[in-house]
Amino acid sequence: MHEKAPVDGTAISHSLLSFSGGAGPDTSRINLLTISSVVASFIMQVVDFPRLIQRFGIIGCLKALCLIFLILNLAVPFTCLLFNTIARQSVMLGVLICQPLCVTFGYPCSILLLTNSAPTVDILKDLNGVVTIFAALWKPTRLAMGGMIYAASDHLWVIC
C-alpha cells in the first residue's frame, strides 16, 4: 500500500500478484488512516449498534452486513484505478472504516443468533467451544497460507 505508483506503468512483480504500484501514502499516513478507522468503528459500535439492532433486528443487520461485505470485496480492487491520490486515499479510508465495522457488528449478531437458537445451555457451550477452536485455528492458518502464496509466487496476475 505504501509503494509509490510508477510513472511509466511498469508492474512491480515480486509476488504471486503483480502490482503496478501502491496507493501512494507514506507510513505515517497509513497509520493515520488505520487509527481513524479504528476510532470510527469503536464509536459506531458503541453508539449505533444497539439502535440498528432495535430497528432492523439481528437477521436484518446480518443480511445488510453480508451485502456490504460483498460490495466492498468487489470494489476494493478497482480503487487503484483512481488517479487522484486524495480520492484513492478517501476510498481506502471508507473501506478501512466499513470493513472492521462490519466485522464488529457481524460478530455480536452471529453470537446473538447462536444464543437464541440453542435449546439448552449445554449445546450452547459445545457450539461456543467449536467456534472458538475453529477461530483459533484459522488465524495462524490464513497467515501461513498468505505467506506461502507470497513466497511461492510466480508472476501470474497483475492487480493494477
C-alpha atoms as a PDB file:
ATOM      1  CA  MET A   1       0.000   0.000   0.000  1.00  0.00           C
ATOM      2  CA  HIS A   2       2.873   2.374   0.736  1.00  0.00           C
ATOM      3  CA  GLU A   3       4.744   1.957  -2.542  1.00  0.00           C
ATOM      4  CA  LYS A   4       4.528   4.835  -4.971  1.00  0.00           C
ATOM      5  CA  ALA A   5       2.835   4.207  -8.286  1.00  0.00           C
ATOM      6  CA  PRO A   6       5.427   4.098 -11.073  1.00  0.00           C
ATOM      7  CA  VAL A   7       5.238   6.798 -13.711  1.00  0.00           C
ATOM      8  CA  ASP A   8       5.945   4.532 -16.675  1.00  0.00           C
ATOM      9  CA  GLY A   9       3.245   1.974 -15.783  1.00  0.00           C
ATOM     10  CA  THR A  10       5.626  -0.952 -15.261  1.00  0.00           C
ATOM     11  CA  ALA A  11       4.485  -3.614 -12.849  1.00  0.00           C
ATOM     12  CA  ILE A  12       6.147  -4.457  -9.552  1.00  0.00           C
ATOM     13  CA  SER A  13       6.173  -8.242  -9.699  1.00  0.00           C
ATOM     14  CA  HIS A  14       7.883  -9.875  -6.759  1.00  0.00           C
ATOM     15  CA  SER A  15       4.896 -11.841  -5.537  1.00  0.00           C
ATOM     16  CA  LEU A  16       2.083 -14.023  -6.825  1.00  0.00           C
ATOM     17  CA  LEU A  17       0.146 -10.855  -7.596  1.00  0.00           C
ATOM     18  CA  SER A  18       1.939  -8.212  -9.620  1.00  0.00           C
ATOM     19  CA  PHE A  19       1.191  -4.633  -8.660  1.00  0.00           C
ATOM     20  CA  SER A  20       1.723  -1.605 -10.821  1.00  0.00           C
ATOM     21  CA  GLY A  21       2.254   0.471  -7.720  1.00  0.00           C
ATOM     22  CA  GLY A  22       0.823   1.192  -4.324  1.00  0.00           C
ATOM     23  CA  ALA A  23      -1.745   3.663  -3.172  1.00  0.00           C
ATOM     24  CA  GLY A  24       0.950   6.239  -2.555  1.00  0.00           C
ATOM     25  CA  PRO A  25       0.714   7.215   1.133  1.00  0.00           C
ATOM     26  CA  ASP A  26       3.739   7.075   3.398  1.00  0.00           C
ATOM     27  CA  THR A  27       3.827   5.093   6.635  1.00  0.00           C
ATOM     28  CA  SER A  28       2.589   7.912   8.850  1.00  0.00           C
ATOM     29  CA  ARG A  29      -0.390   8.484   6.552  1.00  0.00           C
ATOM     30  CA  ILE A  30      -1.222   4.752   6.626  1.00  0.00           C
ATOM     31  CA  ASN A  31      -1.074   4.834  10.437  1.00  0.00           C
ATOM     32  CA  LEU A  32      -3.363   7.862  10.489  1.00  0.00           C
ATOM     33  CA  LEU A  33      -5.884   6.117   8.210  1.00  0.00           C
ATOM     34  CA  THR A  34      -5.793   2.960  10.321  1.00  0.00           C
ATOM     35  CA  ILE A  35      -6.174   4.780  13.643  1.00  0.00           C
ATOM     36  CA  SER A  36      -9.078   6.853  12.266  1.00  0.00           C
ATOM     37  CA  SER A  37     -10.830   3.701  11.086  1.00  0.00           C
ATOM     38  CA  VAL A  38     -10.408   2.021  14.478  1.00  0.00           C
ATOM     39  CA  VAL A  39     -11.723   5.056  16.365  1.00  0.00           C
ATOM     40  CA  ALA A  40     -14.679   5.426  13.979  1.00  0.00           C
ATOM     41  CA  SER A  41     -15.506   1.711  14.242  1.00  0.00           C
ATOM     42  CA  PHE A  42     -15.391   1.842  18.036  1.00  0.00           C
ATOM     43  CA  ILE A  43     -17.636   4.890  18.245  1.00  0.00           C
ATOM     44  CA  MET A  44     -20.125   3.455  15.747  1.00  0.00           C
ATOM     45  CA  GLN A  45     -20.263   0.119  17.544  1.00  0.00           C
ATOM     46  CA  VAL A  46     -20.964   1.730  20.907  1.00  0.00           C
ATOM     47  CA  VAL A  47     -23.400   4.341  19.610  1.00  0.00           C
ATOM     48  CA  ASP A  48     -25.104   2.810  16.563  1.00  0.00           C
ATOM     49  CA  PHE A  49     -25.133  -0.968  17.117  1.00  0.00           C
ATOM     50  CA  PRO A  50     -27.914  -1.081  19.742  1.00  0.00           C
ATOM     51  CA  ARG A  51     -30.110   1.272  17.704  1.00  0.00           C
ATOM     52  CA  LEU A  52     -29.600  -0.690  14.485  1.00  0.00           C
ATOM     53  CA  ILE A  53     -30.445  -3.968  16.210  1.00  0.00           C
ATOM     54  CA  GLN A  54     -33.613  -2.465  17.669  1.00  0.00           C
ATOM     55  CA  ARG A  55     -34.666  -1.003  14.335  1.00  0.00           C
ATOM     56  CA  PHE A  56     -33.766  -3.762  11.834  1.00  0.00           C
ATOM     57  CA  GLY A  57     -33.381  -6.838  14.011  1.00  0.00           C
ATOM     58  CA  ILE A  58     -30.490  -9.274  14.176  1.00  0.00           C
ATOM     59  CA  ILE A  59     -31.180 -11.036  10.885  1.00  0.00           C
ATOM     60  CA  GLY A  60     -31.783  -7.781   9.013  1.00  0.00           C
ATOM     61  CA  CYS A  61     -28.466  -6.387  10.236  1.00  0.00           C
ATOM     62  CA  LEU A  62     -26.641  -9.611   9.338  1.00  0.00           C
ATOM     63  CA  LYS A  63     -28.127  -9.563   5.818  1.00  0.00           C
ATOM     64  CA  ALA A  64     -27.057  -5.943   5.356  1.00  0.00           C
ATOM     65  CA  LEU A  65     -23.541  -6.745   6.596  1.00  0.00           C
ATOM     66  CA  CYS A  66     -23.223  -9.619   4.135  1.00  0.00           C
ATOM     67  CA  LEU A  67     -24.295  -7.318   1.305  1.00  0.00           C
ATOM     68  CA  ILE A  68     -21.830  -4.611   2.395  1.00  0.00           C
ATOM     69  CA  PHE A  69     -19.013  -7.182   2.566  1.00  0.00           C
ATOM     70  CA  LEU A  70     -19.849  -8.350  -0.953  1.00  0.00           C
ATOM     71  CA  ILE A  71     -19.849  -4.809  -2.332  1.00  0.00           C
ATOM     72  CA  LEU A  72     -16.603  -3.926  -0.535  1.00  0.00           C
ATOM     73  CA  ASN A  73     -14.780  -7.029  -1.728  1.00  0.00           C
ATOM     74  CA  LEU A  74     -15.901  -6.418  -5.290  1.00  0.00           C
ATOM     75  CA  ALA A  75     -14.997  -2.716  -5.220  1.00  0.00           C
ATOM     76  CA  VAL A  76     -11.620  -2.778  -3.450  1.00  0.00           C
ATOM     77  CA  PRO A  77      -9.516  -3.968  -6.423  1.00  0.00           C
ATOM     78  CA  PHE A  78     -10.828  -1.089  -8.513  1.00  0.00           C
ATOM     79  CA  THR A  79      -9.628   1.598  -6.079  1.00  0.00           C
ATOM     80  CA  CYS A  80      -6.220   1.501  -7.738  1.00  0.00           C
ATOM     81  CA  LEU A  81      -7.831   2.839 -10.907  1.00  0.00           C
ATOM     82  CA  LEU A  82      -8.478   6.191  -9.244  1.00  0.00           C
ATOM     83  CA  PHE A  83      -5.871   8.642 -10.483  1.00  0.00           C
ATOM     84  CA  ASN A  84      -6.372  11.290  -7.831  1.00  0.00           C
ATOM     85  CA  THR A  85      -4.367  10.453  -4.689  1.00  0.00           C
ATOM     86  CA  ILE A  86      -6.818  12.137  -2.326  1.00  0.00           C
ATOM     87  CA  ALA A  87      -9.768  10.293  -3.862  1.00  0.00           C
ATOM     88  CA  ARG A  88      -7.893   6.971  -3.663  1.00  0.00           C
ATOM     89  CA  GLN A  89      -6.992   7.510  -0.016  1.00  0.00           C
ATOM     90  CA  SER A  90     -10.540   8.646   0.804  1.00  0.00           C
ATOM     91  CA  VAL A  91     -11.922   5.454  -0.690  1.00  0.00           C
ATOM     92  CA  MET A  92      -9.341   3.448   1.260  1.00  0.00           C
ATOM     93  CA  LEU A  93     -10.397   5.210   4.468  1.00  0.00           C
ATOM     94  CA  GLY A  94     -14.018   4.357   3.714  1.00  0.00           C
ATOM     95  CA  VAL A  95     -13.077   0.719   3.196  1.00  0.00           C
ATOM     96  CA  LEU A  96     -10.936   0.751   6.340  1.00  0.00           C
ATOM     97  CA  ILE A  97     -13.946   2.055   8.287  1.00  0.00           C
ATOM     98  CA  CYS A  98     -16.628  -0.162   6.714  1.00  0.00           C
ATOM     99  CA  GLN A  99     -14.824  -3.495   6.829  1.00  0.00           C
ATOM    100  CA  PRO A 100     -13.901  -3.530  10.552  1.00  0.00           C
ATOM    101  CA  LEU A 101     -17.284  -2.044  11.319  1.00  0.00           C
ATOM    102  CA  CYS A 102     -18.979  -4.925   9.528  1.00  0.00           C
ATOM    103  CA  VAL A 103     -16.827  -7.385  11.453  1.00  0.00           C
ATOM    104  CA  THR A 104     -17.567  -5.733  14.792  1.00  0.00           C
ATOM    105  CA  PHE A 105     -21.287  -5.650  14.004  1.00  0.00           C
ATOM    106  CA  GLY A 106     -21.359  -9.147  12.489  1.00  0.00           C
ATOM    107  CA  TYR A 107     -19.712 -10.962  15.391  1.00  0.00           C
ATOM    108  CA  PRO A 108     -22.292  -9.920  18.019  1.00  0.00           C
ATOM    109  CA  CYS A 109     -25.113 -10.586  15.547  1.00  0.00           C
ATOM    110  CA  SER A 110     -23.931 -14.140  14.955  1.00  0.00           C
ATOM    111  CA  ILE A 111     -23.379 -14.719  18.687  1.00  0.00           C
ATOM    112  CA  LEU A 112     -26.899 -13.465  19.413  1.00  0.00           C
ATOM    113  CA  LEU A 113     -28.303 -15.796  16.751  1.00  0.00           C
ATOM    114  CA  LEU A 114     -26.362 -18.726  18.225  1.00  0.00           C
ATOM    115  CA  THR A 115     -27.544 -17.888  21.720  1.00  0.00           C
ATOM    116  CA  ASN A 116     -31.161 -17.617  20.641  1.00  0.00           C
ATOM    117  CA  SER A 117     -31.077 -20.834  18.598  1.00  0.00           C
ATOM    118  CA  ALA A 118     -29.514 -23.136  21.199  1.00  0.00           C
ATOM    119  CA  PRO A 119     -32.235 -25.113  23.027  1.00  0.00           C
ATOM    120  CA  THR A 120     -30.075 -25.838  26.084  1.00  0.00           C
ATOM    121  CA  VAL A 121     -27.058 -24.307  27.772  1.00  0.00           C
ATOM    122  CA  ASP A 122     -25.014 -27.481  27.180  1.00  0.00           C
ATOM    123  CA  ILE A 123     -25.455 -27.215  23.406  1.00  0.00           C
ATOM    124  CA  LEU A 124     -24.542 -23.542  23.597  1.00  0.00           C
ATOM    125  CA  LYS A 125     -21.337 -24.428  25.461  1.00  0.00           C
ATOM    126  CA  ASP A 126     -20.434 -27.021  22.825  1.00  0.00           C
ATOM    127  CA  LEU A 127     -21.145 -24.589  19.973  1.00  0.00           C
ATOM    128  CA  ASN A 128     -19.050 -21.919  21.634  1.00  0.00           C
ATOM    129  CA  GLY A 129     -16.170 -24.368  22.066  1.00  0.00           C
ATOM    130  CA  VAL A 130     -16.266 -25.478  18.437  1.00  0.00           C
ATOM    131  CA  VAL A 131     -16.432 -21.904  17.167  1.00  0.00           C
ATOM    132  CA  THR A 132     -13.549 -20.859  19.410  1.00  0.00           C
ATOM    133  CA  ILE A 133     -11.414 -23.773  18.231  1.00  0.00           C
ATOM    134  CA  PHE A 134     -12.014 -23.015  14.550  1.00  0.00           C
ATOM    135  CA  ALA A 135     -11.380 -19.298  15.061  1.00  0.00           C
ATOM    136  CA  ALA A 136      -8.127 -20.043  16.881  1.00  0.00           C
ATOM    137  CA  LEU A 137      -7.005 -22.452  14.157  1.00  0.00           C
ATOM    138  CA  TRP A 138      -7.980 -20.177  11.271  1.00  0.00           C
ATOM    139  CA  LYS A 139      -5.957 -17.133  12.339  1.00  0.00           C
ATOM    140  CA  PRO A 140      -2.490 -18.720  12.026  1.00  0.00           C
ATOM    141  CA  THR A 141      -3.607 -20.843   9.072  1.00  0.00           C
ATOM    142  CA  ARG A 142      -4.608 -17.849   6.955  1.00  0.00           C
ATOM    143  CA  LEU A 143      -1.344 -16.071   7.783  1.00  0.00           C
ATOM    144  CA  ALA A 144       0.678 -19.161   6.886  1.00  0.00           C
ATOM    145  CA  MET A 145      -1.251 -19.620   3.640  1.00  0.00           C
ATOM    146  CA  GLY A 146      -0.744 -15.966   2.724  1.00  0.00           C
ATOM    147  CA  GLY A 147       2.981 -16.258   3.426  1.00  0.00           C
ATOM    148  CA  MET A 148       3.270 -19.418   1.347  1.00  0.00           C
ATOM    149  CA  ILE A 149       1.435 -17.822  -1.575  1.00  0.00           C
ATOM    150  CA  TYR A 150       3.662 -14.745  -1.338  1.00  0.00           C
ATOM    151  CA  ALA A 151       6.850 -16.824  -1.122  1.00  0.00           C
ATOM    152  CA  ALA A 152       5.945 -19.229  -3.920  1.00  0.00           C
ATOM    153  CA  SER A 153       4.731 -16.579  -6.303  1.00  0.00           C
ATOM    154  CA  ASP A 154       5.373 -16.601  -9.992  1.00  0.00           C
ATOM    155  CA  HIS A 155       4.199 -13.504 -11.906  1.00  0.00           C
ATOM    156  CA  LEU A 156       0.728 -14.877 -12.539  1.00  0.00           C
ATOM    157  CA  TRP A 157      -1.652 -11.983 -12.118  1.00  0.00           C
ATOM    158  CA  VAL A 158      -1.462  -8.228 -12.350  1.00  0.00           C
ATOM    159  CA  ILE A 159      -3.753  -6.351  -9.988  1.00  0.00           C
ATOM    160  CA  CYS A 160      -3.380  -2.744 -11.106  1.00  0.00           C
END
